[in-house]
Amino acid sequence: MDLKQTVTALSEVHGASGSERNAAEAALEMLRSFCPDAGIINGNVTGHFGEHREGLPSLVLDAHIDQIGFAVTYITDDGFIKVGNIGGIDRRLLPAQPVVIHGKRDIKGVICSVPPHLTGGSSKVPEIDEVSIDTGMTKEELELIISQGDSVTFDVSCRELLGSRITGGALDDRCGAAAILYALEMLKGKKTAYNVTVIFSAQEEVGERGAKIGAFDINPDIAIAVDVSFAYAIGEDESKCGYLGKGPMIGISPSLSREISDGLINAAKAGNIPYQTEVMSGLTSTNADRYSVNRCGAKACTLSIPLRNMHTPAEVIDLTDVELTARLLAGFITEGE
């Protein structure tokens, strides 16, 4: 399994929350190599790994398959597309960004930007209702292809940076899905300490909705949400960030299971796997929050890949962290390790 190719292929497929079908189908094709029974259930890609054995606790590995984006709200008489946000978009960088509108067919556009010459030198972060997309088409032409509610995503491809770092869009959280797939590759032919189910969940960016459905359906004993978290960059609070290239961030929080947090830490130490800790004082704002209160509750934990420039079209990760996340998952899951 080529990890870089997997991350890139997943991140370049569009799938804003509520419109994840293309991304889900791409992930499903990859997951079926390890989980032949895998399918798409209510937007979630779900599959059972290996032979499930009586008496073993059930474990869900979850990574969300959706991404941030926009929804078309209406088309102006001048032919500009107005949108609302899907998820928490960083509005500071929106002007002049290339986008793709996913209608009956894909249409490329660009978010309008007022030249600095016409603003008197002032700058203002646009409100979402001030955002307009220019495609060069008339209202009449657009209405044949675009409908209200159609999704819009940034028009971006992955690029290699120095070393093992890459940049692109939707690395949150397609790199988490890639880490799970890589862990399954490592687990082939090994006995597991758990009955493992994989869920690539929908609609995380709009309230962890897919995880809530998946948690109720599977009702696991243990759940690990493989997501991304903040990687330190200049100007940020180092105490709230991890570091690129130094391994996955193991979550510690009153809303998480300290037993599982400690189990992941012990597995990292036993496998000589570099790791970082991420201390949160309340909820995690990840799918782990949904699993921990499902039915009678599950022992939930987060395992996060450090990522810079979150919720932008220029997210940055280090593929080393994705590999180390997979190694830690495999070590934690393997029977006797």
Protein backbone atom coordinates (compact mmCIF):
# COMPACT_ATOMS: atom_id res chain seq x y z
CA MET A 1 0.00 0.00 0.00
CA ASP A 2 1.46 3.36 -1.09
CA LEU A 3 0.57 5.69 1.77
CA LYS A 4 1.22 8.95 -0.08
CA GLN A 5 -0.86 7.78 -3.03
CA THR A 6 -3.69 6.75 -0.71
CA VAL A 7 -3.75 10.08 1.14
CA THR A 8 -3.60 12.01 -2.12
CA ALA A 9 -6.30 9.97 -3.85
CA LEU A 10 -8.68 10.35 -0.91
CA SER A 11 -8.06 14.06 -0.34
CA GLU A 12 -8.59 15.01 -3.98
CA VAL A 13 -12.09 13.52 -4.19
CA HIS A 14 -14.80 16.05 -3.36
CA GLY A 15 -17.25 15.32 -0.57
CA ALA A 16 -18.55 18.23 1.48
CA SER A 17 -20.74 17.30 4.44
CA GLY A 18 -24.06 15.96 3.20
CA SER A 19 -22.62 15.32 -0.28
CA GLU A 20 -19.95 12.74 0.54
CA ARG A 21 -20.96 10.12 -2.02
CA ASN A 22 -17.89 10.42 -4.28
CA ALA A 23 -15.46 10.44 -1.35
CA ALA A 24 -17.34 7.59 0.32
CA GLU A 25 -17.23 5.44 -2.80
CA ALA A 26 -13.48 6.03 -3.19
CA ALA A 27 -12.90 5.04 0.44
CA LEU A 28 -15.24 2.06 0.11
CA GLU A 29 -13.26 0.65 -2.80
CA MET A 30 -10.09 0.83 -0.70
CA LEU A 31 -11.73 -0.58 2.44
CA ARG A 32 -13.12 -3.63 0.63
CA SER A 33 -9.56 -4.91 0.22
CA PHE A 34 -9.61 -5.49 3.99
CA CYS A 35 -13.34 -5.72 4.78
CA PRO A 36 -15.14 -7.58 1.99
CA ASP A 37 -18.53 -6.91 3.59
CA ALA A 38 -18.03 -3.14 3.57
CA GLY A 39 -20.84 -0.94 2.30
CA ILE A 40 -22.35 2.52 2.60
CA ILE A 41 -25.04 2.81 5.26
CA ASN A 42 -26.80 6.16 5.67
CA GLY A 43 -23.75 7.95 4.28
CA ASN A 44 -21.23 6.08 6.44
CA VAL A 45 -18.74 3.64 4.95
CA THR A 46 -18.80 0.65 7.30
CA GLY A 47 -16.93 -2.65 7.25
CA HIS A 48 -15.94 -5.45 9.64
CA PHE A 49 -12.29 -6.47 9.68
CA GLY A 50 -11.22 -10.08 10.03
CA GLU A 51 -13.04 -12.91 11.75
CA HIS A 52 -15.15 -11.74 14.66
CA ARG A 53 -14.61 -14.02 17.64
CA GLU A 54 -16.99 -14.67 20.50
CA GLY A 55 -16.11 -12.95 23.75
CA LEU A 56 -13.82 -10.24 22.36
CA PRO A 57 -14.71 -6.60 23.02
CA SER A 58 -15.83 -4.63 19.98
CA LEU A 59 -13.69 -1.75 18.73
CA VAL A 60 -14.62 0.91 16.20
CA LEU A 61 -11.96 2.80 14.27
CA ASP A 62 -13.58 6.00 13.03
CA ALA A 63 -12.37 8.69 10.63
CA HIS A 64 -14.75 11.17 9.05
CA ILE A 65 -14.96 11.21 5.27
CA ASP A 66 -16.60 14.62 4.78
CA GLN A 67 -14.91 17.99 4.28
CA ILE A 68 -15.79 21.64 4.73
CA GLY A 69 -17.34 23.51 1.81
CA PHE A 70 -20.25 25.68 0.75
CA ALA A 71 -23.87 25.25 -0.29
CA VAL A 72 -25.40 27.25 -3.11
CA THR A 73 -28.13 29.53 -1.74
CA TYR A 74 -29.14 31.43 -4.87
CA ILE A 75 -27.94 32.94 -8.16
CA THR A 76 -28.05 36.71 -8.63
CA ASP A 77 -29.49 38.38 -11.73
CA ASP A 78 -25.90 39.23 -12.70
CA GLY A 79 -24.91 35.55 -12.68
CA PHE A 80 -23.01 35.43 -9.40
CA ILE A 81 -23.47 32.41 -7.12
CA LYS A 82 -24.21 33.13 -3.46
CA VAL A 83 -23.38 30.52 -0.85
CA GLY A 84 -23.60 29.51 2.78
CA ASN A 85 -20.83 27.72 4.63
CA ILE A 86 -20.75 23.99 5.34
CA GLY A 87 -18.65 23.60 8.46
CA GLY A 88 -16.20 26.06 9.98
CA ILE A 89 -14.53 27.76 7.03
CA ASP A 90 -11.72 30.26 7.60
CA ARG A 91 -13.28 33.33 5.93
CA ARG A 92 -10.02 35.30 6.01
CA LEU A 93 -8.67 33.53 2.94
CA LEU A 94 -11.78 33.32 0.77
CA PRO A 95 -11.26 36.18 -1.73
CA ALA A 96 -9.79 34.98 -5.06
CA GLN A 97 -9.92 31.29 -4.13
CA PRO A 98 -10.68 28.89 -7.03
CA VAL A 99 -13.64 26.60 -6.37
CA VAL A 100 -15.72 23.89 -8.03
CA ILE A 101 -19.51 23.94 -7.98
CA HIS A 102 -20.90 20.41 -8.05
CA GLY A 103 -24.15 20.66 -10.00
CA LYS A 104 -25.44 18.42 -12.76
CA ARG A 105 -21.85 18.69 -13.87
CA ASP A 106 -18.87 20.32 -12.23
CA ILE A 107 -18.30 23.99 -12.97
CA LYS A 108 -15.15 25.88 -12.06
CA GLY A 109 -15.40 29.32 -10.53
CA VAL A 110 -13.51 31.83 -8.41
CA ILE A 111 -14.60 33.73 -5.31
CA CYS A 112 -14.80 37.42 -6.12
CA SER A 113 -12.17 39.74 -4.69
CA VAL A 114 -12.35 43.54 -4.64
CA PRO A 115 -8.96 44.95 -5.78
CA PRO A 116 -7.06 46.87 -3.07
CA HIS A 117 -7.09 49.92 -5.34
CA LEU A 118 -10.86 50.16 -4.84
CA THR A 119 -10.93 49.64 -1.10
CA GLY A 120 -8.86 52.61 -0.02
CA GLY A 121 -6.30 50.26 1.48
CA SER A 122 -8.72 48.89 4.04
CA SER A 123 -9.19 45.18 4.48
CA LYS A 124 -12.12 43.31 5.95
CA VAL A 125 -12.84 39.67 6.53
CA PRO A 126 -15.93 38.96 4.42
CA GLU A 127 -19.07 37.65 6.03
CA ILE A 128 -20.34 34.48 4.39
CA ASP A 129 -23.34 36.31 2.91
CA GLU A 130 -20.90 38.68 1.19
CA VAL A 131 -19.18 35.86 -0.68
CA SER A 132 -19.94 35.61 -4.40
CA ILE A 133 -18.64 33.11 -6.93
CA ASP A 134 -17.92 34.13 -10.50
CA THR A 135 -18.08 31.46 -13.21
CA GLY A 136 -18.38 33.75 -16.23
CA MET A 137 -21.82 32.32 -16.97
CA THR A 138 -25.17 34.07 -16.99
CA LYS A 139 -27.96 33.35 -14.54
CA GLU A 140 -29.92 31.57 -17.26
CA GLU A 141 -26.95 29.35 -18.16
CA LEU A 142 -26.22 28.54 -14.53
CA GLU A 143 -29.81 27.62 -13.72
CA LEU A 144 -29.62 24.80 -16.28
CA ILE A 145 -26.78 23.20 -14.29
CA ILE A 146 -26.82 24.54 -10.73
CA SER A 147 -29.54 24.14 -8.11
CA GLN A 148 -29.99 25.51 -4.62
CA GLY A 149 -28.22 23.30 -2.12
CA ASP A 150 -25.53 22.06 -4.52
CA SER A 151 -22.17 21.76 -2.79
CA VAL A 152 -19.06 23.80 -3.54
CA THR A 153 -15.49 22.82 -2.64
CA PHE A 154 -12.09 24.42 -3.06
CA ASP A 155 -10.38 23.58 -6.35
CA VAL A 156 -7.09 22.23 -5.05
CA SER A 157 -4.75 19.28 -5.57
CA CYS A 158 -2.13 17.81 -3.27
CA ARG A 159 1.45 19.00 -3.67
CA GLU A 160 4.66 17.67 -2.21
CA LEU A 161 6.65 19.87 0.13
CA LEU A 162 10.14 19.17 1.44
CA GLY A 163 10.77 15.82 3.06
CA SER A 164 7.63 13.83 3.80
CA ARG A 165 5.25 16.79 4.04
CA ILE A 166 2.38 17.43 1.68
CA THR A 167 -0.21 20.17 1.32
CA GLY A 168 -3.73 20.05 -0.03
CA GLY A 169 -7.41 20.30 0.80
CA ALA A 170 -9.54 17.81 2.75
CA LEU A 171 -6.50 16.30 4.47
CA ASP A 172 -8.86 16.81 7.42
CA ASP A 173 -9.76 13.98 7.70
CA ARG A 174 -8.88 11.90 4.68
CA CYS A 175 -5.40 11.38 6.15
CA GLY A 176 -7.14 9.77 9.15
CA ALA A 177 -8.95 7.38 6.84
CA ALA A 178 -5.64 6.58 5.14
CA ALA A 179 -4.04 5.87 8.54
CA ILE A 180 -6.79 3.36 9.36
CA LEU A 181 -6.40 1.64 5.98
CA TYR A 182 -2.64 1.41 6.52
CA ALA A 183 -3.21 -0.05 9.99
CA LEU A 184 -5.45 -2.74 8.48
CA GLU A 185 -2.65 -3.54 6.03
CA MET A 186 -0.32 -4.09 9.00
CA LEU A 187 -2.91 -6.25 10.77
CA LYS A 188 -3.34 -8.70 7.90
CA GLY A 189 -2.77 -12.23 9.11
CA LYS A 190 -2.48 -11.23 12.79
CA LYS A 191 -4.81 -12.10 15.63
CA THR A 192 -6.53 -9.08 17.09
CA ALA A 193 -7.48 -8.38 20.69
CA TYR A 194 -10.78 -6.88 19.53
CA ASN A 195 -13.53 -7.41 17.00
CA VAL A 196 -12.72 -4.48 14.74
CA THR A 197 -15.21 -2.40 12.75
CA VAL A 198 -14.20 0.53 10.57
CA ILE A 199 -16.47 3.52 10.05
CA PHE A 200 -15.60 6.33 7.65
CA SER A 201 -18.33 8.60 8.93
CA ALA A 202 -20.35 11.32 7.23
CA GLN A 203 -21.21 14.86 8.33
CA GLU A 204 -18.63 15.30 11.09
CA GLU A 205 -18.13 18.94 10.15
CA VAL A 206 -21.79 19.74 10.84
CA GLY A 207 -22.14 18.10 14.24
CA GLU A 208 -20.69 14.56 14.13
CA ARG A 209 -23.97 13.30 12.70
CA GLY A 210 -22.60 10.23 10.91
CA ALA A 211 -20.75 9.08 14.02
CA LYS A 212 -23.95 9.32 16.03
CA ILE A 213 -25.66 6.99 13.55
CA GLY A 214 -22.67 4.63 13.39
CA ALA A 215 -22.31 4.51 17.15
CA PHE A 216 -25.94 3.55 17.62
CA ASP A 217 -25.76 0.93 14.88
CA ILE A 218 -22.55 -0.81 15.99
CA ASN A 219 -22.76 0.00 19.74
CA PRO A 220 -19.03 -0.68 20.31
CA ASP A 221 -17.31 -1.25 23.63
CA ILE A 222 -14.36 0.92 22.54
CA ALA A 223 -14.06 3.65 19.90
CA ILE A 224 -10.99 5.47 18.62
CA ALA A 225 -11.66 8.61 16.60
CA VAL A 226 -8.73 9.10 14.22
CA ASP A 227 -8.81 12.76 13.28
CA VAL A 228 -6.46 15.73 12.92
CA SER A 229 -5.45 18.36 15.43
CA PHE A 230 -3.43 21.55 15.46
CA ALA A 231 0.21 21.42 14.43
CA TYR A 232 2.36 24.28 15.67
CA ALA A 233 3.12 27.14 13.29
CA ILE A 234 4.61 30.58 13.88
CA GLY A 235 2.41 32.74 16.08
CA GLU A 236 0.43 29.92 17.68
CA ASP A 237 0.32 28.86 21.32
CA GLU A 238 2.71 25.92 21.54
CA SER A 239 0.93 24.58 24.62
CA LYS A 240 -2.18 23.98 22.50
CA CYS A 241 -0.44 22.36 19.53
CA GLY A 242 1.45 19.28 18.49
CA TYR A 243 4.40 19.19 16.11
CA LEU A 244 4.67 17.88 12.58
CA GLY A 245 6.74 14.73 12.28
CA LYS A 246 6.72 13.83 15.98
CA GLY A 247 3.95 11.26 15.90
CA PRO A 248 0.22 11.03 16.61
CA MET A 249 -1.39 13.00 19.42
CA ILE A 250 -3.09 10.78 22.01
CA GLY A 251 -6.10 12.51 23.55
CA ILE A 252 -6.47 12.94 27.29
CA SER A 253 -9.70 14.48 28.53
CA PRO A 254 -12.40 14.06 31.19
CA SER A 255 -14.77 13.19 28.34
CA LEU A 256 -12.46 10.40 27.12
CA SER A 257 -11.54 7.04 28.61
CA ARG A 258 -8.28 7.33 30.52
CA GLU A 259 -7.99 3.56 30.26
CA ILE A 260 -7.81 3.76 26.45
CA SER A 261 -5.54 6.82 26.52
CA ASP A 262 -3.13 4.94 28.78
CA GLY A 263 -3.48 1.84 26.62
CA LEU A 264 -2.43 3.79 23.54
CA ILE A 265 0.48 5.36 25.42
CA ASN A 266 1.63 1.93 26.62
CA ALA A 267 1.31 0.53 23.09
CA ALA A 268 3.42 3.41 21.77
CA LYS A 269 6.11 2.80 24.37
CA ALA A 270 6.08 -0.96 23.77
CA GLY A 271 6.42 -0.46 20.02
CA ASN A 272 8.98 2.35 20.32
CA ILE A 273 6.57 4.59 18.41
CA PRO A 274 6.97 8.37 18.84
CA TYR A 275 3.81 10.00 20.16
CA GLN A 276 2.50 13.25 21.61
CA THR A 277 -0.29 13.93 24.07
CA GLU A 278 -3.18 16.33 23.59
CA VAL A 279 -4.84 17.45 26.81
CA MET A 280 -8.39 18.77 26.52
CA SER A 281 -10.37 20.04 29.51
CA GLY A 282 -13.84 19.13 28.22
CA LEU A 283 -15.34 17.80 25.01
CA THR A 284 -13.04 17.08 22.08
CA SER A 285 -15.14 18.41 19.16
CA THR A 286 -14.49 15.10 17.39
CA ASN A 287 -16.52 11.98 16.76
CA ALA A 288 -15.22 10.57 20.05
CA ASP A 289 -17.79 12.78 21.79
CA ARG A 290 -20.60 10.86 20.06
CA TYR A 291 -19.26 7.39 20.79
CA SER A 292 -18.63 8.11 24.46
CA VAL A 293 -22.32 8.74 25.17
CA ASN A 294 -23.88 6.21 22.80
CA ARG A 295 -26.56 4.04 24.42
CA CYS A 296 -24.75 2.96 27.61
CA GLY A 297 -21.53 4.63 26.46
CA ALA A 298 -18.25 3.42 24.97
CA LYS A 299 -14.67 3.81 26.09
CA ALA A 300 -13.65 6.47 23.59
CA CYS A 301 -10.38 8.16 22.76
CA THR A 302 -8.92 10.43 20.10
CA LEU A 303 -5.81 9.76 18.07
CA SER A 304 -4.96 12.85 16.06
CA ILE A 305 -2.59 13.57 13.19
CA PRO A 306 -0.94 17.02 13.51
CA LEU A 307 -2.09 19.36 10.74
CA ARG A 308 -1.34 22.99 9.92
CA ASN A 309 -3.74 25.50 8.34
CA MET A 310 -6.85 23.58 9.34
CA HIS A 311 -10.03 24.17 7.32
CA THR A 312 -8.19 25.86 4.47
CA PRO A 313 -7.27 24.72 0.93
CA ALA A 314 -3.61 24.58 2.02
CA GLU A 315 -3.62 22.13 4.91
CA VAL A 316 -0.20 20.62 5.69
CA ILE A 317 0.64 17.22 7.18
CA ASP A 318 3.72 15.05 7.51
CA LEU A 319 3.19 11.58 6.09
CA THR A 320 5.46 10.25 8.82
CA ASP A 321 2.72 11.07 11.33
CA VAL A 322 0.15 9.18 9.26
CA GLU A 323 2.39 6.11 9.19
CA LEU A 324 3.13 6.33 12.92
CA THR A 325 -0.62 6.63 13.62
CA ALA A 326 -1.20 3.43 11.66
CA ARG A 327 1.62 1.65 13.49
CA LEU A 328 0.20 2.68 16.86
CA LEU A 329 -3.29 1.50 15.94
CA ALA A 330 -1.94 -1.84 14.75
CA GLY A 331 0.12 -2.25 17.90
CA PHE A 332 -2.82 -1.43 20.14
CA ILE A 333 -5.13 -3.84 18.32
CA THR A 334 -2.79 -6.82 17.88
CA GLU A 335 -3.45 -9.59 20.39
CA GLY A 336 -0.74 -9.83 23.01
CA GLU A 337 0.87 -6.48 22.10
